[in-house]
Protein backbone atom coordinates (compact mmCIF):
# COMPACT_ATOMS: atom_id res chain seq x y z
CA MET A 1 68.98 137.58 147.05
CA ARG A 2 70.63 136.65 150.42
CA TYR A 3 72.39 133.33 150.64
CA TYR A 4 74.84 131.76 153.13
CA ILE A 5 78.26 130.56 152.43
CA LEU A 6 78.96 127.29 154.32
CA GLY A 7 82.68 127.62 153.72
CA LEU A 8 85.49 127.54 151.40
CA CYS A 9 87.37 124.06 149.95
CA LEU A 10 90.22 123.58 147.61
CA LEU A 11 89.92 122.16 144.53
CA VAL A 12 92.92 120.84 142.03
CA VAL A 13 91.78 121.34 138.57
CA ASN A 14 94.10 120.87 135.72
CA GLY A 15 96.95 121.22 138.23
CA LEU A 16 95.99 124.65 139.88
CA THR A 17 94.72 124.76 143.00
CA CYS A 18 91.61 127.33 143.49
CA ALA A 19 89.36 128.32 146.34
CA SER A 20 85.74 127.50 145.74
CA THR A 21 82.72 128.42 147.63
CA ILE A 22 80.41 125.75 149.11
CA ILE A 23 76.49 126.84 149.24
CA SER A 24 74.00 124.50 150.76
CA ILE A 25 70.51 124.15 149.11
CA GLU A 26 69.21 124.54 152.74
CA ASP A 27 70.22 127.98 152.93
CA PHE A 28 67.39 128.48 150.15
CA GLY A 29 64.35 126.74 152.51
CA LEU A 30 64.77 123.26 151.30
CA LYS A 31 65.47 119.90 153.37
CA PRO A 32 65.85 116.44 152.44
CA ASN A 33 63.47 114.00 152.92
CA THR A 34 60.25 116.45 152.75
CA GLY A 35 58.59 115.09 149.22
CA VAL A 36 58.17 119.12 148.11
CA ASP A 37 59.23 119.92 144.77
CA THR A 38 62.93 120.87 144.48
CA ARG A 39 62.70 122.78 141.50
CA PRO A 40 61.38 126.23 142.77
CA PHE A 41 64.25 125.91 145.65
CA LEU A 42 66.94 124.94 143.15
CA LYS A 43 66.11 127.70 140.56
CA LYS A 44 66.59 130.22 143.81
CA ALA A 45 69.97 128.84 144.04
CA LEU A 46 71.26 128.99 140.69
CA ARG A 47 70.61 132.34 140.46
CA ALA A 48 72.53 133.21 143.10
CA CYS A 49 75.36 131.20 141.40
CA GLN A 50 75.06 133.14 138.02
CA GLY A 51 78.04 135.13 137.30
CA ARG A 52 80.17 133.95 139.80
CA ASN A 53 82.96 131.09 139.38
CA ASP A 54 84.18 128.41 141.79
CA ILE A 55 80.80 127.92 143.22
CA VAL A 56 79.79 124.21 144.58
CA LEU A 57 76.28 123.77 145.47
CA VAL A 58 75.72 121.03 147.53
CA PHE A 59 72.36 118.94 148.91
CA PRO A 60 72.53 117.69 152.09
CA LYS A 61 72.25 113.73 151.95
CA GLY A 62 68.72 112.27 151.45
CA ARG A 63 65.74 112.20 149.02
CA TYR A 64 64.69 115.05 146.67
CA ASP A 65 61.50 115.21 144.62
CA PHE A 66 61.29 116.86 141.21
CA TYR A 67 57.73 117.19 139.59
CA PRO A 68 56.52 118.15 136.51
CA ASP A 69 54.59 121.38 135.66
CA LYS A 70 50.81 121.11 135.43
CA SER A 71 49.46 120.60 132.10
CA ASN A 72 45.93 120.74 130.80
CA GLU A 73 46.93 118.42 127.95
CA ASN A 74 45.38 115.01 129.01
CA ASP A 75 47.65 112.79 126.50
CA VAL A 76 51.16 112.42 128.24
CA LEU A 77 52.56 111.61 124.75
CA LYS A 78 51.74 115.04 123.49
CA ARG A 79 52.59 117.09 126.92
CA PRO A 80 56.06 118.79 126.71
CA ALA A 81 58.83 117.20 129.34
CA THR A 82 59.21 119.36 132.51
CA LEU A 83 63.20 120.35 132.83
CA GLY A 84 64.10 119.21 136.59
CA ILE A 85 67.97 120.95 136.50
CA HIS A 86 68.54 123.63 134.16
CA LEU A 87 72.15 124.50 134.29
CA LYS A 88 72.98 127.69 132.04
CA GLY A 89 75.39 130.08 131.41
CA LEU A 90 77.50 128.45 134.42
CA ASN A 91 81.57 128.69 135.11
CA LYS A 92 83.26 126.53 137.17
CA PHE A 93 80.38 125.61 138.81
CA THR A 94 79.78 121.76 140.51
CA LEU A 95 76.36 120.48 141.74
CA ASP A 96 77.24 117.76 144.57
CA GLY A 97 74.41 115.54 145.40
CA GLY A 98 76.24 114.62 148.61
CA GLY A 99 74.96 111.12 148.07
CA SER A 100 71.43 112.08 147.69
CA GLU A 101 68.40 110.42 145.74
CA PHE A 102 66.90 112.41 143.02
CA VAL A 103 63.47 111.32 142.56
CA PHE A 104 61.59 112.25 139.46
CA HIS A 105 57.61 112.03 138.87
CA GLY A 106 56.00 111.83 135.29
CA LYS A 107 57.39 113.08 132.15
CA MET A 108 60.45 114.99 132.98
CA GLU A 109 63.88 115.79 131.45
CA ILE A 110 66.47 114.98 134.43
CA ALA A 111 68.44 117.95 133.70
CA HIS A 112 70.23 120.14 130.88
CA ILE A 113 73.45 121.94 130.64
CA GLU A 114 73.77 124.72 128.12
CA ASP A 115 76.11 127.31 127.45
CA CYS A 116 78.53 126.20 130.49
CA ASP A 117 82.23 126.08 130.82
CA SER A 118 84.35 123.70 133.37
CA LEU A 119 81.03 122.45 134.82
CA THR A 120 80.56 119.21 137.00
CA MET A 121 77.66 116.84 138.18
CA ARG A 122 78.34 114.59 140.76
CA ASN A 123 77.47 112.16 143.86
CA PHE A 124 73.73 111.64 143.52
CA SER A 125 71.41 108.91 142.10
CA VAL A 126 68.31 109.45 140.13
CA ASP A 127 65.18 107.23 139.54
CA TRP A 128 61.11 107.57 139.16
CA ASP A 129 58.86 105.94 141.77
CA ARG A 130 56.84 104.85 139.01
CA PRO A 131 59.30 104.13 135.93
CA PHE A 132 57.82 104.36 132.14
CA ILE A 133 58.64 100.66 131.83
CA SER A 134 57.08 97.76 133.60
CA GLN A 135 57.77 94.15 133.58
CA GLY A 136 56.32 91.00 134.21
CA GLU A 137 57.22 87.05 134.75
CA ILE A 138 56.01 84.80 131.89
CA ILE A 139 54.17 81.80 133.60
CA GLY A 140 52.59 80.23 130.49
CA SER A 141 53.35 80.11 126.76
CA THR A 142 51.52 78.19 124.56
CA ASP A 143 50.63 78.40 120.43
CA SER A 144 47.56 80.38 121.74
CA TYR A 145 48.53 82.49 124.38
CA LEU A 146 51.38 84.17 126.65
CA ASP A 147 50.35 84.46 130.42
CA ILE A 148 52.50 87.25 132.31
CA LYS A 149 52.55 87.99 136.17
CA ILE A 150 52.65 91.31 137.21
CA ASP A 151 53.25 92.95 140.38
CA LYS A 152 50.20 95.33 140.32
CA GLU A 153 51.52 97.40 143.06
CA ALA A 154 54.70 98.09 141.54
CA TYR A 155 53.36 98.38 137.91
CA PRO A 156 49.67 99.36 138.27
CA TYR A 157 47.34 98.59 135.01
CA GLU A 158 43.51 97.89 134.24
CA VAL A 159 42.04 96.15 131.15
CA VAL A 160 39.47 97.93 129.34
CA ASP A 161 37.97 96.27 126.10
CA GLY A 162 40.77 93.68 125.70
CA LYS A 163 43.52 96.08 125.89
CA VAL A 164 45.88 96.79 129.02
CA TYR A 165 46.70 100.00 129.97
CA PHE A 166 49.48 100.72 132.58
CA ILE A 167 48.83 103.41 134.95
CA GLY A 168 51.52 105.77 136.26
CA GLU A 169 51.65 109.40 137.64
CA ASP A 170 49.24 111.13 135.83
CA TRP A 171 49.55 109.05 132.63
CA LYS A 172 47.96 105.73 131.38
CA LEU A 173 49.83 103.85 128.48
CA PRO A 174 49.75 100.75 126.59
CA VAL A 175 52.40 98.33 126.17
CA MET A 176 54.91 99.29 122.81
CA THR A 177 55.73 96.11 120.86
CA MET A 178 59.45 97.53 120.23
CA TYR A 179 61.92 97.28 123.07
CA SER A 180 59.97 94.80 125.34
CA THR A 181 62.98 93.00 126.21
CA LEU A 182 63.55 89.40 127.51
CA TYR A 183 65.94 88.80 130.69
CA ASN A 184 66.96 85.44 132.28
CA LYS A 185 65.33 85.39 135.67
CA GLU A 186 68.23 84.32 137.55
CA THR A 187 71.16 86.00 136.00
CA LYS A 188 69.13 88.98 134.87
CA GLU A 189 70.88 88.64 131.43
CA ILE A 190 69.35 89.38 127.98
CA ALA A 191 67.64 86.45 126.64
CA TYR A 192 67.80 87.00 122.90
CA ASN A 193 64.58 86.63 120.73
CA SER A 194 61.26 88.51 120.23
CA LEU A 195 57.98 87.75 121.29
CA GLY A 196 56.71 89.46 118.32
CA ASP A 197 53.12 91.28 118.10
CA ILE A 198 52.00 89.14 120.97
CA PHE A 199 51.41 92.62 122.94
CA GLU A 200 49.02 93.88 120.45
CA LYS A 201 46.57 90.90 120.75
CA PRO A 202 43.47 90.71 122.88
CA VAL A 203 44.10 90.55 126.71
CA GLU A 204 42.18 89.72 129.51
CA GLU A 205 43.13 89.44 133.34
CA ILE A 206 42.58 85.69 134.19
CA SER A 207 43.40 86.30 137.69
CA GLU A 208 44.67 89.00 139.97
CA GLY A 209 48.13 90.08 138.51
CA VAL A 210 48.04 87.61 135.71
CA LEU A 211 47.49 88.59 132.05
CA ARG A 212 46.43 86.65 129.44
CA PHE A 213 47.44 87.98 125.99
CA HIS A 214 45.58 85.63 123.25
CA GLY A 215 47.65 84.97 120.18
CA LYS A 216 50.77 82.90 119.24
CA PRO A 217 54.30 84.26 120.65
CA ALA A 218 56.86 84.70 118.19
CA ILE A 219 58.62 81.79 120.38
CA GLN A 220 57.94 79.54 123.06
CA VAL A 221 59.25 80.35 126.37
CA GLU A 222 59.96 78.12 129.56
CA PRO A 223 57.19 79.27 132.35
CA TYR A 224 59.36 80.84 135.24
CA THR A 225 62.43 81.40 134.01
CA THR A 226 61.90 84.76 131.70
CA ILE A 227 61.14 88.26 133.05
CA VAL A 228 59.89 90.49 130.00
CA SER A 229 60.35 94.40 130.07
CA LEU A 230 57.10 96.38 128.96
CA PHE A 231 58.11 99.71 127.13
CA HIS A 232 55.34 102.55 127.30
CA VAL A 233 57.50 104.82 125.81
CA ARG A 234 60.49 105.36 123.19
CA TYR A 235 62.90 108.23 123.31
CA PHE A 236 60.47 110.48 125.29
CA ALA A 237 62.76 112.50 127.06
CA THR A 238 66.47 113.13 127.77
CA GLY A 239 68.15 112.15 131.04
CA ILE A 240 71.12 114.50 131.24
CA GLY A 241 71.82 116.42 128.52
CA VAL A 242 74.34 118.93 127.35
CA THR A 243 74.58 121.47 124.63
CA ASN A 244 76.97 124.31 123.55
CA SER A 245 79.14 123.56 126.59
CA ARG A 246 83.06 122.86 127.28
CA ASN A 247 84.85 120.70 130.04
CA ILE A 248 81.62 119.13 131.57
CA LEU A 249 82.40 116.08 134.03
CA TRP A 250 79.84 113.79 135.44
CA LYS A 251 81.12 111.85 138.25
CA ASP A 252 79.81 109.37 140.64
CA ILE A 253 76.12 109.04 139.19
CA LYS A 254 73.63 106.27 139.20
CA MET A 255 70.55 106.66 137.04
CA TYR A 256 68.58 104.04 137.74
CA HIS A 257 65.79 105.38 135.14
CA SER A 258 65.78 107.80 132.14
CA LEU A 259 62.95 108.33 129.35
CA SER A 260 65.47 108.27 126.72
CA ASN A 261 69.28 108.42 126.59
CA GLY A 262 70.52 108.44 129.90
CA PHE A 263 73.38 111.01 129.06
CA TRP A 264 73.54 112.81 126.03
CA GLY A 265 75.54 115.50 124.44
CA TYR A 266 75.41 117.86 121.20
CA ARG A 267 78.15 120.27 119.98
CA THR A 268 80.04 120.12 123.33
CA GLU A 269 83.71 120.21 123.76
CA ASN A 270 85.34 117.96 126.15
CA ILE A 271 82.97 115.63 128.35
CA THR A 272 84.18 113.38 130.75
CA MET A 273 82.12 110.59 132.57
CA ASP A 274 83.91 109.00 135.29
CA ASN A 275 81.90 106.21 137.57
CA ALA A 276 78.54 107.69 136.05
CA SER A 277 76.37 104.86 134.95
CA VAL A 278 72.97 103.78 134.26
CA VAL A 279 72.12 101.09 135.92
CA VAL A 280 69.61 98.66 137.23
CA ASN A 281 67.81 99.24 140.72
CA ASP A 282 68.07 95.75 141.66
CA ALA A 283 66.93 96.98 145.18
CA LYS A 284 63.47 97.22 143.66
CA GLY A 285 63.39 93.95 142.04
CA ARG A 286 63.96 95.64 138.18
CA TYR A 287 65.45 94.27 135.42
CA PHE A 288 65.60 97.58 133.25
CA SER A 289 66.97 101.08 133.39
CA SER A 290 66.89 103.65 130.84
CA VAL A 291 64.23 103.77 127.96
CA ALA A 292 67.19 104.03 125.27
CA ASP A 293 70.98 104.28 125.01
CA ALA A 294 73.12 104.69 128.22
CA SER A 295 74.95 107.49 126.69
CA HIS A 296 75.15 109.45 123.03
CA PHE A 297 76.89 112.15 121.58
CA SER A 298 76.56 113.87 118.42
CA GLU A 299 78.65 116.33 116.77
CA CYS A 300 80.44 117.05 120.01
CA GLY A 301 84.37 117.97 120.07
CA GLY A 302 87.53 118.03 122.08
CA THR A 303 87.70 114.66 123.84
CA ILE A 304 84.87 112.32 125.27
CA ARG A 305 86.29 110.29 127.72
CA VAL A 306 84.49 107.22 129.48
CA LEU A 307 86.02 105.97 132.48
CA ASN A 308 85.22 103.23 135.00
CA CYS A 309 81.35 103.06 133.68
CA ALA A 310 79.42 100.00 134.06
CA HIS A 311 75.65 100.41 132.69
CA THR A 312 73.16 97.73 132.66
CA GLY A 313 69.74 97.52 131.76
CA GLN A 314 69.59 100.16 129.26
CA ALA A 315 67.31 99.44 126.21
CA ASP A 316 69.84 100.10 123.52
CA ASP A 317 73.50 100.39 123.49
CA PHE A 318 76.33 101.30 125.94
CA ILE A 319 77.66 104.23 124.01
CA ASN A 320 77.34 105.82 120.93
CA VAL A 321 79.47 108.84 119.27
CA HIS A 322 79.22 110.26 115.79
CA GLY A 323 79.10 113.06 113.83
CA THR A 324 76.17 113.48 111.07
CA SER A 325 75.61 112.92 107.26
CA VAL A 326 73.67 115.84 105.59
CA LYS A 327 71.83 114.98 102.38
CA ILE A 328 72.13 117.51 99.51
CA ILE A 329 68.87 117.30 97.56
CA GLY A 330 70.25 119.87 94.85
CA ARG A 331 72.13 122.83 93.59
CA VAL A 332 71.02 126.58 93.38
CA ASN A 333 74.17 128.03 92.13
CA GLN A 334 77.86 127.65 92.14
CA ASN A 335 77.87 128.42 96.05
CA THR A 336 74.62 126.81 97.24
CA VAL A 337 73.09 123.56 97.74
CA MET A 338 69.93 122.52 99.21
CA ALA A 339 69.40 120.24 102.20
CA PRO A 340 66.10 118.95 103.97
CA VAL A 341 64.51 120.30 106.86
CA GLU A 342 62.82 117.17 108.22
CA GLY A 343 64.13 113.52 108.75
CA LYS A 344 67.40 111.85 109.13
CA GLY A 345 70.02 113.53 107.06
CA SER A 346 68.31 116.91 107.33
CA GLY A 347 70.43 120.54 107.67
CA ARG A 348 68.84 121.63 111.10
CA SER A 349 72.29 121.13 112.40
CA VAL A 350 74.16 123.50 109.90
CA GLN A 351 75.30 126.36 111.63
CA ILE A 352 77.09 129.53 110.02
CA GLY A 353 81.06 129.20 110.32
CA ASP A 354 81.02 125.61 110.64
CA GLU A 355 83.25 123.49 108.10
CA TYR A 356 82.01 120.80 106.07
CA TRP A 357 83.55 118.33 103.88
CA PHE A 358 81.94 117.42 100.59
CA ILE A 359 81.32 113.57 99.95
CA LYS A 360 80.35 112.04 96.51
CA GLN A 361 78.58 108.92 96.13
CA PRO A 362 79.19 106.23 95.80
CA GLU A 363 82.95 106.71 96.32
CA ALA A 364 82.24 108.25 99.87
CA GLN A 365 85.59 109.93 100.50
CA ARG A 366 86.19 113.07 102.29
CA GLY A 367 86.72 115.60 99.37
CA GLU A 368 86.99 119.23 99.51
CA VAL A 369 86.17 121.68 102.63
CA GLY A 370 84.10 124.68 102.74
CA VAL A 371 82.79 126.86 105.34
CA VAL A 372 79.00 127.67 105.79
CA ALA A 373 78.60 131.40 105.36
CA ASP A 374 74.94 131.35 104.81
CA LYS A 375 71.60 129.32 105.76
CA LYS A 376 68.12 130.34 104.99
CA LEU A 377 64.66 128.33 104.77
CA SER A 378 63.04 128.06 101.56
CA GLU A 379 59.44 129.81 101.22
CA ASP A 380 57.71 126.52 101.28
CA GLY A 381 59.76 125.30 104.70
CA SER A 382 60.76 122.11 102.90
CA PHE A 383 64.36 122.69 102.57
CA TYR A 384 67.33 125.17 103.59
CA TYR A 385 69.69 126.97 101.18
CA VAL A 386 73.20 126.35 102.31
CA SER A 387 75.65 128.70 101.02
CA PHE A 388 79.52 128.46 101.28
CA ASP A 389 82.38 131.06 101.32
CA LYS A 390 83.59 129.31 97.77
CA PRO A 391 82.05 127.50 94.88
CA VAL A 392 81.10 123.86 95.83
CA PRO A 393 82.88 121.60 93.86
CA GLU A 394 81.00 120.95 90.55
CA ALA A 395 80.57 117.21 90.88
CA ILE A 396 78.53 117.64 94.11
CA GLY A 397 74.75 117.67 93.45
CA ASN A 398 71.56 115.77 94.47
CA GLY A 399 72.16 112.21 96.46
CA ASP A 400 75.61 113.42 97.72
CA PHE A 401 76.53 114.44 101.54
CA MET A 402 78.22 116.83 103.52
CA GLU A 403 79.76 115.93 107.00
CA CYS A 404 80.85 118.42 109.66
CA LYS A 405 84.46 118.70 110.18
CA THR A 406 84.20 121.56 113.13
CA TRP A 407 82.75 119.09 115.30
CA CYS A 408 84.40 115.74 115.77
CA ALA A 409 85.57 114.16 118.66
CA ALA A 410 88.22 111.75 119.84
CA VAL A 411 87.25 109.26 122.18
CA GLU A 412 88.83 107.40 125.24
CA ILE A 413 86.91 104.47 126.91
CA ARG A 414 88.76 102.56 129.46
CA ASN A 415 88.39 100.45 132.65
CA CYS A 416 84.42 100.18 131.84
CA LYS A 417 82.41 96.86 132.22
CA ILE A 418 80.05 96.34 128.89
CA GLN A 419 78.01 93.41 129.76
CA LYS A 420 74.76 91.25 128.69
CA ARG A 421 72.53 92.76 130.91
CA HIS A 422 71.37 95.48 128.40
CA ARG A 423 69.78 95.21 124.90
CA ALA A 424 71.71 95.55 121.74
CA ARG A 425 75.03 96.55 121.21
CA GLY A 426 78.31 97.85 122.99
CA ILE A 427 80.46 100.46 121.87
CA LEU A 428 79.52 102.75 118.62
CA VAL A 429 81.69 105.06 117.43
CA THR A 430 82.29 106.94 113.96
CA THR A 431 84.92 109.92 114.14
CA PRO A 432 87.90 110.74 112.21
CA LYS A 433 89.49 111.70 115.40
CA LYS A 434 91.73 109.28 117.45
CA VAL A 435 89.42 106.42 119.19
CA VAL A 436 91.25 104.53 121.98
CA ILE A 437 89.37 101.69 123.67
CA GLU A 438 91.27 99.95 126.32
CA ASP A 439 91.28 97.91 129.42
CA ASN A 440 87.71 97.29 129.00
CA TYR A 441 85.38 94.03 129.86
CA PHE A 442 83.06 93.07 127.41
CA SER A 443 80.32 90.43 127.77
CA THR A 444 77.64 91.91 125.42
CA ALA A 445 74.21 90.30 124.22
CA GLY A 446 75.11 91.82 120.48
CA THR A 447 78.50 92.64 119.22
CA ALA A 448 80.96 94.04 121.07
CA ILE A 449 82.00 96.96 118.94
CA LEU A 450 80.17 98.34 116.06
CA ILE A 451 82.12 100.80 113.95
CA GLU A 452 79.59 101.90 111.10
CA GLY A 453 79.31 105.64 109.15
CA ASP A 454 75.97 105.24 107.09
CA PHE A 455 74.13 107.00 104.28
CA ASP A 456 71.18 105.33 104.11
CA TYR A 457 69.40 104.99 107.39
CA TRP A 458 70.80 107.12 110.55
CA TYR A 459 73.12 109.40 108.68
CA GLU A 460 75.51 109.01 111.44
CA SER A 461 79.08 109.77 110.14
CA GLY A 462 81.87 109.40 109.35
CA ALA A 463 84.85 107.45 108.42
CA ASN A 464 87.09 106.27 111.07
CA THR A 465 91.06 107.17 110.57
CA ASP A 466 92.66 106.01 114.17
CA VAL A 467 90.84 103.38 115.89
CA THR A 468 93.17 101.40 118.66
CA ILE A 469 91.23 98.49 120.59
CA ARG A 470 93.74 97.33 123.07
CA ASN A 471 94.22 94.91 126.40
CA ASN A 472 90.42 94.51 126.54
CA THR A 473 88.70 90.87 127.40
CA PHE A 474 85.54 89.70 125.23
CA ASP A 475 83.99 87.11 127.11
CA ASN A 476 81.30 84.99 125.34
CA CYS A 477 80.06 88.26 123.34
CA LEU A 478 77.32 87.64 120.72
CA THR A 479 75.05 85.43 122.41
CA SER A 480 72.08 87.74 120.97
CA GLY A 481 73.91 88.76 117.61
CA ASN A 482 72.81 87.80 113.98
CA ARG A 483 71.13 84.96 113.18
CA ASP A 484 70.00 84.97 109.43
CA GLY A 485 71.71 88.45 108.68
CA SER A 486 69.07 91.01 109.38
CA ARG A 487 70.75 94.45 110.28
CA SER A 488 67.81 94.73 112.73
CA GLN A 489 69.49 91.91 114.91
CA TRP A 490 72.36 92.99 116.85
CA GLY A 491 75.86 92.29 115.33
CA GLU A 492 77.66 89.59 113.20
CA ALA A 493 80.71 89.26 114.72
CA VAL A 494 82.33 90.03 118.12
CA ILE A 495 83.82 93.26 116.39
CA THR A 496 81.59 94.53 113.39
CA ILE A 497 82.68 97.25 111.26
CA THR A 498 80.23 97.67 108.63
CA PRO A 499 79.52 101.13 106.75
CA SER A 500 76.99 101.53 104.32
CA HIS A 501 79.64 102.22 101.68
CA ILE A 502 80.48 99.10 99.92
CA PRO A 503 83.42 99.01 97.58
CA SER A 504 82.02 97.78 94.09
CA THR A 505 85.54 96.78 92.81
CA VAL A 506 89.12 95.56 93.85
CA ASP A 507 90.80 98.77 93.32
CA MET A 508 87.80 101.08 95.12
CA GLU A 509 89.26 103.26 98.05
CA PRO A 510 87.54 101.75 101.28
CA TYR A 511 85.93 104.02 103.85
CA HIS A 512 87.47 103.52 107.32
CA LYS A 513 91.08 103.49 107.93
CA ASN A 514 93.57 102.32 110.39
CA ILE A 515 91.86 99.94 112.75
CA ARG A 516 94.11 98.09 115.28
CA ILE A 517 92.95 95.30 117.47
CA VAL A 518 95.27 94.48 119.16
CA ASP A 519 96.74 92.57 122.73
CA ASN A 520 93.18 91.51 123.22
CA ARG A 521 91.71 88.22 124.79
CA PHE A 522 88.65 86.68 123.02
CA TYR A 523 86.65 84.32 124.63
CA VAL A 524 84.25 82.81 121.93
CA PHE A 525 81.76 80.15 121.89
CA ASP A 526 81.09 80.42 118.22
CA VAL A 527 82.96 81.06 115.12
CA PRO A 528 82.71 84.80 114.13
CA LEU A 529 85.63 87.15 115.40
CA VAL A 530 85.80 90.38 112.91
CA ARG A 531 83.29 91.10 110.39
CA ALA A 532 84.79 94.09 108.32
CA VAL A 533 83.29 96.27 105.27
CA SER A 534 85.18 98.70 103.27
CA THR A 535 88.24 99.25 105.73
CA ARG A 536 92.14 100.06 105.06
CA GLY A 537 94.66 99.14 107.40
CA LEU A 538 93.07 96.44 109.42
CA TYR A 539 94.99 94.79 111.84
CA PHE A 540 94.22 91.96 113.85
CA MET A 541 97.42 91.48 116.04
CA ASN A 542 98.90 89.81 119.20
CA ASN A 543 95.43 88.58 120.32
CA GLN A 544 94.64 85.40 122.46
CA ILE A 545 91.59 83.49 121.13
CA ILE A 546 90.21 81.02 123.71
CA LYS A 547 87.54 78.52 122.60
CA THR A 548 84.53 78.09 125.18
CA PHE A 549 81.69 75.93 125.34
CA ASP A 550 79.12 77.81 127.53
CA TYR A 551 76.68 78.68 124.81
CA ARG A 552 75.55 76.59 121.49
CA PRO A 553 76.94 78.27 118.11
CA TYR A 554 74.09 79.84 116.22
CA THR A 555 75.45 82.86 113.80
CA TRP A 556 75.02 82.86 110.39
CA GLN A 557 78.59 83.98 109.64
CA LYS A 558 80.65 80.84 109.77
CA VAL A 559 84.35 82.43 108.99
CA SER A 560 86.63 84.09 111.70
CA PHE A 561 87.07 87.24 109.32
CA LEU A 562 84.30 88.05 106.74
CA LEU A 563 85.85 90.79 104.76
CA ASP A 564 84.25 92.66 101.95
CA GLY A 565 86.10 95.88 100.31
CA CYS A 566 89.08 95.79 102.31
CA ARG A 567 92.84 96.25 101.80
CA ASP A 568 96.17 95.90 103.97
CA VAL A 569 94.65 93.16 106.45
CA LYS A 570 96.94 91.96 108.80
CA ILE A 571 96.19 88.85 110.77
CA ARG A 572 99.36 87.95 112.52
CA ASN A 573 100.89 86.84 116.00
CA ASN A 574 97.94 85.74 117.59
CA SER A 575 97.45 82.90 120.20
CA TRP A 576 94.74 80.56 118.91
CA ASP A 577 93.30 78.03 121.10
CA LYS A 578 93.81 74.56 119.64
CA ARG A 579 89.93 74.00 119.90
CA TYR A 580 89.33 76.58 118.17
CA THR A 581 89.57 75.14 114.67
CA GLU A 582 87.89 77.38 112.18
CA ARG A 583 90.73 79.88 111.15
CA SER A 584 89.11 81.38 108.41
CA VAL A 585 89.13 84.86 105.86
CA ALA A 586 86.32 85.08 103.46
CA VAL A 587 86.86 87.86 101.22
CA GLU A 588 84.96 89.87 98.51
CA HIS A 589 85.75 92.86 96.38
CA MET A 590 89.43 92.14 97.51
CA ARG A 591 92.54 90.46 96.12
CA LEU A 592 93.70 87.48 98.40
CA SER A 593 96.92 89.37 98.34
CA ASP A 594 95.29 92.09 100.45
CA VAL A 595 95.34 89.68 103.60
CA GLN A 596 98.34 88.42 105.49
CA THR A 597 98.51 85.71 107.88
CA ASP A 598 100.97 83.46 109.62
CA ALA A 599 101.72 80.93 107.72
CA ASN A 600 102.10 78.42 110.47
CA ASP A 601 98.23 79.20 111.59
CA HIS A 602 97.17 77.31 108.57
CA PHE A 603 94.13 79.87 107.92
CA VAL A 604 91.84 79.17 104.99
CA ILE A 605 91.52 82.33 102.67
CA LYS A 606 88.53 82.09 100.28
CA GLU A 607 87.18 84.12 97.86
CA LEU A 608 83.21 85.28 97.93
CA LYS A 609 81.55 85.92 94.30
CA GLY A 610 78.13 86.70 93.77
CA ILE A 611 77.01 86.02 97.13
CA ASP A 612 74.81 88.64 99.09
CA THR A 613 76.83 88.85 102.59
CA HIS A 614 75.54 92.65 103.06
CA MET A 615 72.89 93.52 105.79
CA GLN A 616 69.77 95.27 104.54
CA TRP A 617 67.32 97.82 106.64
């Protein structure tokens, strides 16, 4: 393979200066703005980079198209996604888009990084000409129908036998009820509430570009004020993903669309996102961006840094960082347990050599540690035999859990904007390593920060031990939070700490530890500040609370702090707006002495007994 070196550049990495070789994609026959498939040319270029260090592959500025492999499968839902950019086994490598547009077509995964070290992707945008989301404006809403006006050129469709099918590039799909999100037409912010199952009702085209869904919407919407996004897929294909790698940097990237989580990482050490954002393509008049979370990281290591990001339009959370709880469904002998193959809490991620904590229910405390020595599939394929280097504690058995100790990441999130222009919550984080959330601006639709750790639904572990939430602004968050306590809604307070572990007595040890909420500014239109369950060492100190009247209060939590099974709680040295008059703490499975407040703040502390304050799936 012959390739041409355009030049040398000097990079500073970790304080060291090194020479890098610059290679252009044009040297492999690809020019911008031609509309041809980028993938064959990119594969040639990447082959030339294999086995070499300090390579920068550049794209002269322009548009580059990526097309999926042809398939004999007519059903797009069953087709495998085509991988656009495959970066494997590269060290000290940079892909520099040069400010280009990478445009994808059909069912595709944008990029996947595996087995790489010190890899950077930077300076490009990503979009689809025809995304897997459509949108329309609500122009009529009654008890018997909903009228939606569609731009048929941007979002073509056809109505067949009372059902609408939206048409894309080699695909035709109906509307999914889940995730169809409402936006304020003027502000592009989330307008809370669901239309229910109206998109499953009979539909007709009453005039060109106007669809009438016959049925009663779950809510009434004032015509010409609201845009609805119409989802056709869910968790369809990852955006930019990384596995089994280390020292990854995503910088100066705009991702206008992806078919699942925008940025995704698994078992990778040290990931940095710097001005790499999932954003709405406002130039195309859109209100949506990705199909799921802007970023999601599971069982990673080192430190995950998220800097200078401002995601908008995604159909789920700003970021989620977590480990995984593995269900134990039985014991075989003193060294071996069984874990399921399928479903949440499965043993698929378990690898030989990993360390695992053993966790006993209902205490939910990390116990002894074992190293995985062997893993085998059962004869019927329904579960794994997981063997350890030493005896599993005698008390561990069916119904208990394992949590991976080897793969836990520290987290730093700084100087980000987490706004009301996306569905659901802001930051989700559960990890035993150090977490710093600092200098950010929150104006979320749901809870701004959610700390969970569950053994009953997603099985996303684990207990936090060191969290600092400092010097952030929380500006009218929770406009789309919990109205009645259902967990399918988006949070009970501005900061919500709700692991599935709930202490049953005043002496039971909590799940989370050391969560400090200090030196922040809370602009609040409603009462709830913090909802916390099963936390030892919860400090709400040196914060400013400013009352606003920008939205109507509505939440079901009617106290400032709703606490269950927490210990060593300090609410001290805060500055309270005189107009914020509901200074109250409600506790359950706690002693009143577990909470310390300033005497001159006149807090009311009351004990709840026999009241179900827990959300259920």
